[in-house]
Amino acid sequence: MKRKWKVTLVILVPLLIAGGIYGGIRYSQRDLVTVQSGSVERADLTAVVTASGEIKPRNYINIGANAQGRIVELLVKEGDRVRKNQVVARIEHVQAQADVQAQKAGVASAQADSNAAEEALAAADESIKTQQATLERFRTEQARAKMLMDNAEKMLQYNLIAKQEYDQKKADYASATASVHENEARLEQMKVQRQQTAAQLASYQRRVAQAQAALTRIEDVLAKYDALAPLDGVVTDLPVRVGETVVPGVQNSAASTIMTIADMSLITAEVKVDETDIVNVHLGQTANITIDAMPNKTFTGKVTDIGNTAILRSSGLAASQSATSSQEAKDFKVVIALDSPPDDIRPGLSCSAKIVTATRRNVLSIPIQALTVRKRIDLETQPNGVMASTETPAERAKNNEELQGVFVIKDGKAEFHQVETGITGATDIEVLSGVEENQPIIIGSYKVIRTIRNGARVKVDNRPPDVVLTN
C-alpha cells in the first residue's frame, strides 16, 4: 500500500504543478488581446478617384433631315472621313428643282425689263442733252435778232433805213423768241418723260430684287435636300439606306437622323464620378485611362470639363428633372481629353479612368485599416471607473462626439490617439497630427480594431494566418 501511494503521488504532483502553472498563465492572460501591429512611416502618397464611362469624340453632330423625301444617294459609308460642307447624302428634290428653274426664269424676265428701262433712261438723257443744245442755239439766235432789231430801231429814228426793213427785223426777233419758248417747253417735256422712265426703272429693279429674294428662298429650300457635313470628321453612324423616306423635325418630334459625324481630332473619356469624390476633382488634373477593348494599354489625359448637374445612377437623368427620392445615389459627369489616342479608337468603347487628385511626398502615413472611430464616452470614464449617472444635454452631446484616431501600442497596452488625416492613397492615408514617426500602432485584425477598448492589454502576433489547402 505504501508503495502504491508513493507511485500515485509521483504521478499526481507534477500534474497538479503543471495544471497550476497553466491555470495561472491563463488567468494572467484573461484580458489580453492578440493584435497585429505596424508603424507610422513616411511615404509618397497619391490620391486617386476611379470612375467608369465611355469613349466619346469631343465634338460630334447628328445630321438630321431638313426636308421630307426619299433618299436617292448616300455619298459616304460608315468610317469614311469627310470635309466640312461636303455633300454626304441627297434627298429626292424634283419639285424643288422645278421651282428653282421657274423662279430663275422670272428673275431673267424682270432683269430684261429692268435693262430695257435702263436703256430708255440713257436715251432720255441723251435726248435731253440734245434738246438743251438746240435750246441754246435758239437762244443765241434770239439774242442776235434782238440786237439787229435794236439797231434797226435806232437807225429808223434817223431815217437811215426804211420802216419795212425795221419791221422785218422785229418779226425775226419775235420768231426767234417763239422758237426759244417752244424748245424750252420741249425740254421740260423730255425731263418729265425721263422722270417717268426713271420711276419705271426703279420699279423694275425692285421687281428684280423681289424675284432674286424669292429665288434665294427657293434655292435654300432646294439646298436642304442635300445633307452637308458640318465639320471635318469621320462618319461614325449611318442608320439609313438609299430608298428610305426621311422627315424633318416638328414640334415634340425629332428629325430623322441620316448619319453622325464626329470630330476625331480630340478624343475624350466621359466618365461618371461618385458624388462623394467630385469635390476632389478639378480642371487640369491628370488621369490614366484604360479601355476594355484594348487590354494592357494605358492612356494619359487631362480633365477638361466637370459637370455641375447631378445625374441619377439608376436612370441617367439629371437629378433636377427627376421626381424620385433625393436620397438616390448620384454621379457627376467628368470629361477627360486623351493626350495621344490611338488611330483605331472608336466612339462608344467602355473605359475606366483613374484621376490623380493629389500627390504628397515624404509624409507620415498609416495603413487605412488602422484608422477607426470611437465615441468620446467610450474613451473617457470617471476617476472611480463609473460613468456619470446624470448628464446635461451639452455633456451628452460632447460624450457622443465621434473621434477619429488610431490605437498606439504603449507599454503593452492599446492607447487611443486622435489624429487628423490628409489625402488617401491606395493602401495608406496621410496623418497630419496625433502620432509620430515609427510609433507602433495596431493595424489588425479588422474585428480587433472595431472592438478593442482604450487601455486594453495587447499581445502582438504578426504571423500570417494559416492557409488551409483543399483538394
Protein backbone atom coordinates (compact mmCIF):
# COMPACT_ATOMS: atom_id res chain seq x y z
CA MET A 1 0.00 0.00 0.00
CA LYS A 2 2.74 2.41 0.84
CA ARG A 3 4.42 1.77 -2.47
CA LYS A 4 1.16 2.26 -4.36
CA TRP A 5 0.55 5.67 -2.73
CA LYS A 6 4.09 6.72 -3.45
CA VAL A 7 3.63 5.94 -7.16
CA THR A 8 0.32 7.81 -7.17
CA LEU A 9 1.86 10.86 -5.56
CA VAL A 10 4.78 10.82 -8.00
CA ILE A 11 2.29 10.97 -10.89
CA LEU A 12 -0.23 13.43 -9.43
CA VAL A 13 2.14 16.03 -8.02
CA PRO A 14 3.74 17.01 -11.39
CA LEU A 15 0.27 17.08 -12.95
CA LEU A 16 -1.04 19.36 -10.25
CA ILE A 17 2.00 21.63 -10.57
CA ALA A 18 1.62 21.82 -14.39
CA GLY A 19 -2.11 22.46 -14.07
CA GLY A 20 -1.47 25.23 -11.59
CA ILE A 21 1.11 26.86 -13.86
CA TYR A 22 -1.20 26.62 -16.89
CA GLY A 23 -4.12 27.99 -14.92
CA GLY A 24 -2.00 30.86 -13.68
CA ILE A 25 -0.91 31.72 -17.20
CA ARG A 26 -4.48 31.55 -18.49
CA TYR A 27 -5.69 33.73 -15.63
CA SER A 28 -2.99 36.29 -16.23
CA GLN A 29 -3.96 36.42 -19.95
CA ARG A 30 -7.71 36.52 -19.44
CA ASP A 31 -7.97 40.12 -20.75
CA LEU A 32 -5.05 40.02 -23.21
CA VAL A 33 -5.98 40.92 -26.83
CA THR A 34 -3.97 39.49 -29.72
CA VAL A 35 -3.30 42.15 -32.35
CA GLN A 36 -1.32 42.76 -35.50
CA SER A 37 0.99 45.74 -35.42
CA GLY A 38 2.58 48.18 -37.80
CA SER A 39 4.25 51.55 -37.51
CA VAL A 40 3.84 55.14 -38.59
CA GLU A 41 6.10 55.59 -41.62
CA ARG A 42 6.98 58.21 -44.19
CA ALA A 43 5.91 57.55 -47.77
CA ASP A 44 4.82 59.15 -51.03
CA LEU A 45 1.04 59.14 -51.39
CA THR A 46 -1.17 59.66 -54.44
CA ALA A 47 -4.92 60.19 -54.10
CA VAL A 48 -6.88 58.68 -56.98
CA VAL A 49 -10.56 58.87 -57.93
CA THR A 50 -11.73 55.92 -60.03
CA ALA A 51 -14.66 56.19 -62.44
CA SER A 52 -16.01 54.38 -65.47
CA GLY A 53 -17.63 55.60 -68.66
CA GLU A 54 -17.14 55.51 -72.42
CA ILE A 55 -15.00 56.97 -75.17
CA LYS A 56 -16.56 59.93 -76.98
CA PRO A 57 -15.30 62.47 -79.50
CA ARG A 58 -15.08 66.00 -78.14
CA ASN A 59 -17.45 67.21 -80.83
CA TYR A 60 -19.96 65.16 -82.80
CA ILE A 61 -23.12 66.13 -84.68
CA ASN A 62 -26.16 64.12 -85.69
CA ILE A 63 -27.19 65.19 -89.19
CA GLY A 64 -30.98 65.31 -89.32
CA ALA A 65 -33.28 65.62 -92.32
CA ASN A 66 -34.17 69.21 -93.25
CA ALA A 67 -36.68 68.15 -95.89
CA GLN A 68 -39.10 65.30 -96.41
CA GLY A 69 -38.47 62.80 -99.15
CA ARG A 70 -36.81 59.62 -100.27
CA ILE A 71 -33.05 59.22 -100.00
CA VAL A 72 -31.73 58.85 -103.55
CA GLU A 73 -27.99 58.99 -102.85
CA LEU A 74 -25.63 58.19 -99.99
CA LEU A 75 -22.22 59.52 -100.95
CA VAL A 76 -20.33 58.11 -97.93
CA LYS A 77 -20.21 54.97 -95.85
CA GLU A 78 -19.58 54.40 -92.18
CA GLY A 79 -15.95 55.04 -91.27
CA ASP A 80 -15.30 57.48 -94.15
CA ARG A 81 -13.57 60.77 -93.47
CA VAL A 82 -15.41 63.86 -94.70
CA ARG A 83 -14.66 67.56 -95.07
CA LYS A 84 -16.76 70.47 -93.89
CA ASN A 85 -19.62 71.37 -96.32
CA GLN A 86 -19.11 68.13 -98.29
CA VAL A 87 -22.37 66.70 -99.66
CA VAL A 88 -22.86 63.34 -97.94
CA ALA A 89 -26.45 62.45 -98.91
CA ARG A 90 -29.21 63.62 -101.26
CA ILE A 91 -32.98 63.53 -100.89
CA GLU A 92 -35.35 63.42 -103.87
CA HIS A 93 -35.94 67.06 -104.95
CA VAL A 94 -37.81 67.13 -108.31
CA GLN A 95 -40.39 69.73 -107.24
CA ALA A 96 -37.87 71.97 -105.51
CA GLN A 97 -35.61 71.85 -108.57
CA ALA A 98 -38.53 72.81 -110.84
CA ASP A 99 -39.44 75.70 -108.56
CA VAL A 100 -35.87 76.98 -108.78
CA GLN A 101 -35.87 76.81 -112.59
CA ALA A 102 -39.21 78.66 -112.79
CA GLN A 103 -38.03 81.36 -110.43
CA LYS A 104 -34.79 81.76 -112.35
CA ALA A 105 -36.88 82.46 -115.46
CA GLY A 106 -38.86 85.05 -113.51
CA VAL A 107 -35.64 86.71 -112.39
CA ALA A 108 -34.37 86.79 -116.00
CA SER A 109 -37.65 88.37 -117.23
CA ALA A 110 -37.57 91.04 -114.53
CA GLN A 111 -33.92 91.70 -115.28
CA ALA A 112 -34.70 92.15 -119.00
CA ASP A 113 -37.41 94.69 -118.21
CA SER A 114 -35.01 96.49 -115.93
CA ASN A 115 -32.32 96.54 -118.62
CA ALA A 116 -34.79 97.94 -121.17
CA ALA A 117 -35.84 100.68 -118.77
CA GLU A 118 -32.20 101.42 -118.10
CA GLU A 119 -31.53 101.85 -121.83
CA ALA A 120 -34.61 104.05 -122.20
CA LEU A 121 -33.39 106.22 -119.37
CA ALA A 122 -29.98 106.54 -121.04
CA ALA A 123 -31.69 107.50 -124.32
CA ALA A 124 -33.79 110.10 -122.49
CA ASP A 125 -30.63 111.59 -121.01
CA GLU A 126 -29.09 111.86 -124.48
CA SER A 127 -32.26 113.46 -125.88
CA ILE A 128 -32.28 115.99 -123.09
CA LYS A 129 -28.66 116.86 -123.81
CA THR A 130 -29.51 117.35 -127.50
CA GLN A 131 -32.54 119.46 -126.68
CA GLN A 132 -30.50 121.59 -124.30
CA ALA A 133 -28.01 122.25 -127.14
CA THR A 134 -30.85 123.14 -129.53
CA LEU A 135 -32.33 125.47 -126.95
CA GLU A 136 -29.00 127.19 -126.50
CA ARG A 137 -28.75 127.64 -130.28
CA PHE A 138 -32.21 129.24 -130.48
CA ARG A 139 -31.40 131.48 -127.52
CA THR A 140 -28.33 132.65 -129.40
CA GLU A 141 -30.48 133.32 -132.46
CA GLN A 142 -32.93 135.22 -130.24
CA ALA A 143 -30.16 137.41 -128.85
CA ARG A 144 -28.84 138.12 -132.36
CA ALA A 145 -32.31 139.00 -133.64
CA LYS A 146 -32.88 141.36 -130.71
CA MET A 147 -29.58 143.09 -131.37
CA LEU A 148 -30.46 143.58 -135.06
CA MET A 149 -33.92 144.84 -134.12
CA ASP A 150 -32.48 147.35 -131.62
CA ASN A 151 -30.01 148.65 -134.21
CA ALA A 152 -32.75 148.95 -136.81
CA GLU A 153 -34.91 150.86 -134.33
CA LYS A 154 -32.16 153.45 -133.75
CA MET A 155 -31.46 153.81 -137.47
CA LEU A 156 -35.19 154.27 -138.12
CA GLN A 157 -35.24 157.22 -135.74
CA TYR A 158 -32.73 159.00 -138.00
CA ASN A 159 -34.45 157.80 -141.19
CA LEU A 160 -31.43 155.78 -142.15
CA ILE A 161 -33.48 152.69 -143.06
CA ALA A 162 -36.92 152.09 -144.32
CA LYS A 163 -39.76 151.21 -141.99
CA GLN A 164 -40.22 147.93 -143.85
CA GLU A 165 -36.71 146.78 -143.01
CA TYR A 166 -37.27 147.57 -139.31
CA ASP A 167 -40.48 145.59 -139.33
CA GLN A 168 -38.62 142.63 -140.82
CA LYS A 169 -36.02 142.77 -138.01
CA LYS A 170 -38.78 142.93 -135.45
CA ALA A 171 -40.54 139.95 -136.98
CA ASP A 172 -37.31 137.96 -136.97
CA TYR A 173 -36.88 138.67 -133.23
CA ALA A 174 -40.44 137.57 -132.48
CA SER A 175 -39.88 134.35 -134.43
CA ALA A 176 -36.64 133.64 -132.54
CA THR A 177 -38.38 134.26 -129.22
CA ALA A 178 -41.18 131.88 -130.14
CA SER A 179 -38.63 129.21 -131.10
CA VAL A 180 -36.92 129.59 -127.70
CA HIS A 181 -40.23 129.14 -125.88
CA GLU A 182 -41.09 126.13 -127.99
CA ASN A 183 -37.75 124.43 -127.28
CA GLU A 184 -37.98 125.25 -123.56
CA ALA A 185 -41.36 123.53 -123.43
CA ARG A 186 -39.98 120.57 -125.35
CA LEU A 187 -37.06 120.32 -122.88
CA GLU A 188 -39.43 120.30 -119.89
CA GLN A 189 -41.48 117.58 -121.55
CA MET A 190 -38.37 115.46 -122.05
CA LYS A 191 -37.43 115.90 -118.40
CA VAL A 192 -40.89 114.73 -117.31
CA GLN A 193 -40.62 111.73 -119.62
CA ARG A 194 -37.21 110.95 -118.13
CA GLN A 195 -38.68 111.01 -114.61
CA GLN A 196 -41.34 108.54 -115.74
CA THR A 197 -38.67 106.29 -117.25
CA ALA A 198 -36.59 106.52 -114.05
CA ALA A 199 -39.65 105.56 -111.99
CA GLN A 200 -40.25 102.57 -114.27
CA LEU A 201 -36.59 101.57 -113.90
CA ALA A 202 -36.86 101.74 -110.10
CA SER A 203 -39.99 99.61 -110.25
CA TYR A 204 -38.28 97.05 -112.48
CA GLN A 205 -35.26 96.99 -110.18
CA ARG A 206 -37.50 96.33 -107.19
CA ARG A 207 -39.13 93.51 -109.14
CA VAL A 208 -35.66 92.10 -109.84
CA ALA A 209 -34.75 92.30 -106.13
CA GLN A 210 -38.05 90.65 -105.18
CA ALA A 211 -37.60 87.89 -107.73
CA GLN A 212 -33.98 87.40 -106.61
CA ALA A 213 -35.09 87.13 -102.97
CA ALA A 214 -37.71 84.57 -103.93
CA LEU A 215 -35.03 82.67 -105.88
CA THR A 216 -32.73 82.73 -102.85
CA ARG A 217 -35.52 81.32 -100.68
CA ILE A 218 -36.35 78.55 -103.17
CA GLU A 219 -32.66 77.73 -103.67
CA ASP A 220 -32.34 77.45 -99.88
CA VAL A 221 -35.27 75.04 -99.88
CA LEU A 222 -33.55 73.05 -102.63
CA ALA A 223 -30.25 73.07 -100.71
CA LYS A 224 -31.97 71.44 -97.73
CA TYR A 225 -32.43 68.33 -99.87
CA ASP A 226 -28.62 67.91 -99.75
CA ALA A 227 -27.13 66.80 -96.41
CA LEU A 228 -23.82 68.58 -95.80
CA ALA A 229 -21.04 67.66 -93.39
CA PRO A 230 -20.99 70.39 -90.68
CA LEU A 231 -17.35 69.72 -89.79
CA ASP A 232 -14.24 67.77 -90.70
CA GLY A 233 -14.57 64.32 -89.20
CA VAL A 234 -15.48 60.67 -89.53
CA VAL A 235 -18.87 59.09 -90.23
CA THR A 236 -19.43 57.09 -87.05
CA ASP A 237 -23.07 56.09 -87.56
CA LEU A 238 -25.13 55.62 -90.75
CA PRO A 239 -28.56 54.25 -89.76
CA VAL A 240 -30.37 54.83 -93.12
CA ARG A 241 -30.26 53.27 -96.60
CA VAL A 242 -30.96 54.50 -100.11
CA GLY A 243 -34.71 54.42 -100.73
CA GLU A 244 -35.77 55.14 -97.16
CA THR A 245 -38.01 58.14 -96.53
CA VAL A 246 -36.90 60.76 -94.01
CA VAL A 247 -38.86 63.59 -92.44
CA PRO A 248 -37.81 66.93 -90.90
CA GLY A 249 -38.32 67.65 -87.24
CA VAL A 250 -41.55 69.17 -85.95
CA GLN A 251 -42.72 70.21 -82.50
CA ASN A 252 -42.21 67.39 -79.97
CA SER A 253 -40.76 65.18 -82.71
CA ALA A 254 -37.10 64.97 -83.71
CA ALA A 255 -36.00 64.88 -87.33
CA SER A 256 -34.92 61.63 -88.96
CA THR A 257 -31.21 61.05 -88.31
CA ILE A 258 -29.31 60.47 -91.53
CA MET A 259 -25.85 60.00 -90.01
CA THR A 260 -23.49 61.04 -87.22
CA ILE A 261 -20.19 62.77 -87.95
CA ALA A 262 -17.59 63.01 -85.20
CA ASP A 263 -14.51 65.19 -84.92
CA MET A 264 -11.92 62.55 -84.09
CA SER A 265 -9.08 65.06 -83.71
CA LEU A 266 -9.88 65.31 -79.98
CA ILE A 267 -10.97 62.11 -78.22
CA THR A 268 -12.33 62.19 -74.68
CA ALA A 269 -13.27 59.75 -71.97
CA GLU A 270 -16.61 60.75 -70.49
CA VAL A 271 -16.87 59.15 -67.05
CA LYS A 272 -19.26 59.39 -64.10
CA VAL A 273 -17.69 60.28 -60.76
CA ASP A 274 -19.43 59.49 -57.49
CA GLU A 275 -20.83 62.49 -55.63
CA THR A 276 -18.55 61.79 -52.66
CA ASP A 277 -15.45 62.16 -54.83
CA ILE A 278 -16.43 65.00 -57.18
CA VAL A 279 -15.29 67.73 -54.73
CA ASN A 280 -11.70 66.47 -55.16
CA VAL A 281 -11.75 66.62 -58.96
CA HIS A 282 -10.53 69.82 -60.62
CA LEU A 283 -9.80 71.02 -64.14
CA GLY A 284 -6.34 70.16 -65.44
CA GLN A 285 -5.78 67.11 -63.21
CA THR A 286 -4.05 64.19 -64.91
CA ALA A 287 -5.69 60.81 -65.38
CA ASN A 288 -4.83 57.32 -66.58
CA ILE A 289 -7.42 55.72 -68.86
CA THR A 290 -7.80 52.06 -69.70
CA ILE A 291 -10.07 50.86 -72.50
CA ASP A 292 -11.74 47.46 -72.19
CA ALA A 293 -11.25 46.70 -75.89
CA MET A 294 -7.51 47.49 -75.65
CA PRO A 295 -6.15 45.43 -72.73
CA ASN A 296 -2.68 46.01 -71.30
CA LYS A 297 -2.63 49.59 -72.57
CA THR A 298 -2.91 52.76 -70.50
CA PHE A 299 -3.51 56.21 -71.95
CA THR A 300 -2.98 59.56 -70.27
CA GLY A 301 -5.20 62.62 -70.33
CA LYS A 302 -6.34 65.74 -68.50
CA VAL A 303 -9.68 66.77 -67.03
CA THR A 304 -11.27 69.38 -69.33
CA ASP A 305 -14.89 69.55 -68.13
CA ILE A 306 -16.70 68.89 -64.85
CA GLY A 307 -20.48 68.69 -64.82
CA ASN A 308 -22.43 70.85 -62.39
CA THR A 309 -25.64 68.80 -62.51
CA ALA A 310 -26.02 65.56 -60.58
CA ILE A 311 -27.06 62.50 -62.61
CA LEU A 312 -29.17 59.77 -61.02
CA ARG A 313 -27.30 56.49 -61.18
CA SER A 314 -30.42 54.40 -61.81
CA SER A 315 -31.95 56.35 -64.70
CA GLY A 316 -29.16 58.54 -66.06
CA LEU A 317 -31.42 61.60 -65.82
CA ALA A 318 -30.47 64.89 -64.24
CA ALA A 319 -31.49 64.92 -60.59
CA SER A 320 -33.33 68.23 -61.09
CA GLN A 321 -35.56 66.59 -63.74
CA SER A 322 -36.47 63.52 -61.74
CA ALA A 323 -39.26 63.07 -59.23
CA THR A 324 -37.53 60.17 -57.45
CA SER A 325 -36.10 60.38 -53.96
CA SER A 326 -33.24 62.78 -53.44
CA GLN A 327 -31.53 60.07 -51.38
CA GLU A 328 -30.74 58.07 -54.50
CA ALA A 329 -27.07 57.68 -55.43
CA LYS A 330 -25.84 60.32 -57.85
CA ASP A 331 -22.88 60.83 -60.16
CA PHE A 332 -21.33 63.81 -61.93
CA LYS A 333 -20.06 63.83 -65.50
CA VAL A 334 -16.34 64.42 -65.94
CA VAL A 335 -14.69 64.75 -69.37
CA ILE A 336 -11.04 63.76 -69.83
CA ALA A 337 -9.19 64.65 -73.04
CA LEU A 338 -6.80 61.89 -74.15
CA ASP A 339 -3.28 63.11 -74.94
CA SER A 340 -2.40 60.60 -77.68
CA PRO A 341 -5.40 58.47 -78.65
CA PRO A 342 -4.69 55.51 -80.94
CA ASP A 343 -5.84 55.61 -84.56
CA ASP A 344 -8.08 52.57 -84.16
CA ILE A 345 -10.08 54.01 -81.25
CA ARG A 346 -13.86 54.09 -81.70
CA PRO A 347 -16.61 56.12 -80.01
CA GLY A 348 -18.67 54.16 -77.50
CA LEU A 349 -15.86 51.93 -76.18
CA SER A 350 -16.12 51.27 -72.45
CA CYS A 351 -13.30 52.70 -70.37
CA SER A 352 -12.14 53.35 -66.82
CA ALA A 353 -10.26 56.37 -65.54
CA LYS A 354 -8.07 56.95 -62.53
CA ILE A 355 -7.91 60.69 -61.85
CA VAL A 356 -4.97 61.84 -59.74
CA THR A 357 -6.49 64.40 -57.36
CA ALA A 358 -3.48 64.98 -55.06
CA THR A 359 0.13 63.93 -54.51
CA ARG A 360 2.16 64.15 -51.30
CA ARG A 361 5.89 63.43 -50.95
CA ASN A 362 7.58 62.02 -47.83
CA VAL A 363 4.63 62.42 -45.46
CA LEU A 364 3.64 60.48 -42.34
CA SER A 365 1.22 57.71 -43.25
CA ILE A 366 -0.57 54.75 -41.72
CA PRO A 367 -2.44 51.81 -43.26
CA ILE A 368 -6.03 52.71 -43.99
CA GLN A 369 -7.37 49.80 -41.94
CA ALA A 370 -5.66 51.14 -38.80
CA LEU A 371 -7.95 54.18 -38.76
CA THR A 372 -11.02 53.82 -36.56
CA VAL A 373 -13.71 55.89 -34.84
CA ARG A 374 -14.67 55.95 -31.16
CA LYS A 375 -17.16 57.98 -29.19
CA ARG A 376 -15.68 60.19 -26.53
CA ILE A 377 -17.84 58.44 -23.92
CA ASP A 378 -16.11 55.15 -24.77
CA LEU A 379 -12.70 56.68 -24.11
CA GLU A 380 -13.32 58.80 -21.02
CA THR A 381 -14.53 57.48 -17.63
CA GLN A 382 -14.92 58.98 -14.17
CA PRO A 383 -11.93 58.61 -11.80
CA ASN A 384 -13.70 55.76 -10.00
CA GLY A 385 -14.25 53.96 -13.28
CA VAL A 386 -18.00 54.57 -13.28
CA MET A 387 -19.73 56.80 -15.85
CA ALA A 388 -21.67 59.77 -14.51
CA SER A 389 -25.30 58.92 -13.85
CA THR A 390 -26.64 62.34 -14.79
CA GLU A 391 -25.66 64.38 -17.86
CA THR A 392 -26.62 67.76 -19.17
CA PRO A 393 -27.53 67.99 -22.90
CA ALA A 394 -24.19 69.69 -23.60
CA GLU A 395 -22.32 66.91 -21.77
CA ARG A 396 -24.34 64.26 -23.59
CA ALA A 397 -23.52 65.85 -26.97
CA LYS A 398 -19.85 66.03 -26.02
CA ASN A 399 -19.79 62.42 -24.79
CA ASN A 400 -21.39 61.20 -28.04
CA GLU A 401 -18.90 63.08 -30.20
CA GLU A 402 -17.09 60.71 -32.56
CA LEU A 403 -13.30 60.93 -32.63
CA GLN A 404 -11.12 59.63 -35.44
CA GLY A 405 -7.85 58.03 -34.48
CA VAL A 406 -5.60 55.00 -34.16
CA PHE A 407 -4.55 52.72 -31.31
CA VAL A 408 -0.90 53.16 -30.43
CA ILE A 409 0.86 50.30 -28.61
CA LYS A 410 2.46 51.73 -25.48
CA ASP A 411 3.78 49.69 -22.54
CA GLY A 412 1.88 46.64 -23.78
CA LYS A 413 -1.44 48.49 -23.91
CA ALA A 414 -3.63 49.97 -26.62
CA GLU A 415 -3.73 53.75 -26.32
CA PHE A 416 -6.18 55.70 -28.50
CA HIS A 417 -4.68 58.74 -30.25
CA GLN A 418 -6.92 61.17 -32.06
CA VAL A 419 -5.44 62.01 -35.47
CA GLU A 420 -6.03 64.49 -38.27
CA THR A 421 -5.79 62.98 -41.73
CA GLY A 422 -4.94 64.27 -45.19
CA ILE A 423 -5.17 62.54 -48.56
CA THR A 424 -5.93 58.86 -49.01
CA GLY A 425 -3.72 56.69 -51.20
CA ALA A 426 -4.28 53.18 -52.48
CA THR A 427 -3.47 51.44 -49.15
CA ASP A 428 -2.27 54.21 -46.82
CA ILE A 429 -3.64 57.50 -45.54
CA GLU A 430 -1.75 60.68 -44.69
CA VAL A 431 -1.58 61.68 -40.99
CA LEU A 432 -1.19 65.38 -40.24
CA SER A 433 -1.13 65.21 -36.44
CA GLY A 434 -1.65 62.88 -33.48
CA VAL A 435 1.16 60.36 -33.98
CA GLU A 436 4.89 60.39 -34.57
CA GLU A 437 7.14 58.60 -36.99
CA ASN A 438 7.99 54.96 -36.13
CA GLN A 439 5.33 54.76 -33.41
CA PRO A 440 3.90 51.19 -33.22
CA ILE A 441 0.19 51.05 -33.96
CA ILE A 442 -2.48 48.35 -34.19
CA ILE A 443 -3.36 47.54 -37.81
CA GLY A 444 -5.42 44.37 -37.40
CA SER A 445 -7.39 42.37 -37.30
CA TYR A 446 -10.49 44.21 -38.55
CA LYS A 447 -12.57 42.77 -35.71
CA VAL A 448 -9.99 43.77 -33.11
CA ILE A 449 -9.79 47.36 -34.36
CA ARG A 450 -13.58 47.65 -34.20
CA THR A 451 -13.93 46.21 -30.70
CA ILE A 452 -10.72 46.88 -28.76
CA ARG A 453 -11.09 49.26 -25.83
CA ASN A 454 -8.78 52.05 -24.83
CA GLY A 455 -6.21 50.79 -22.34
CA ALA A 456 -6.65 47.10 -23.17
CA ARG A 457 -3.58 44.91 -22.75
CA VAL A 458 -2.36 43.58 -26.08
CA LYS A 459 -0.13 40.85 -27.42
CA VAL A 460 1.43 41.34 -30.84
CA ASP A 461 1.25 38.42 -33.24
CA ASN A 462 2.21 39.34 -36.81
CA ARG A 463 2.35 35.80 -38.11
CA PRO A 464 0.28 35.30 -41.26
CA PRO A 465 -2.90 33.23 -40.77
CA ASP A 466 -2.65 29.55 -41.56
CA VAL A 467 -3.65 28.66 -45.10
CA VAL A 468 -5.89 25.64 -45.33
CA LEU A 469 -5.28 23.68 -48.51
CA THR A 470 -8.21 21.85 -50.01
CA ASN A 471 -8.29 19.35 -52.81
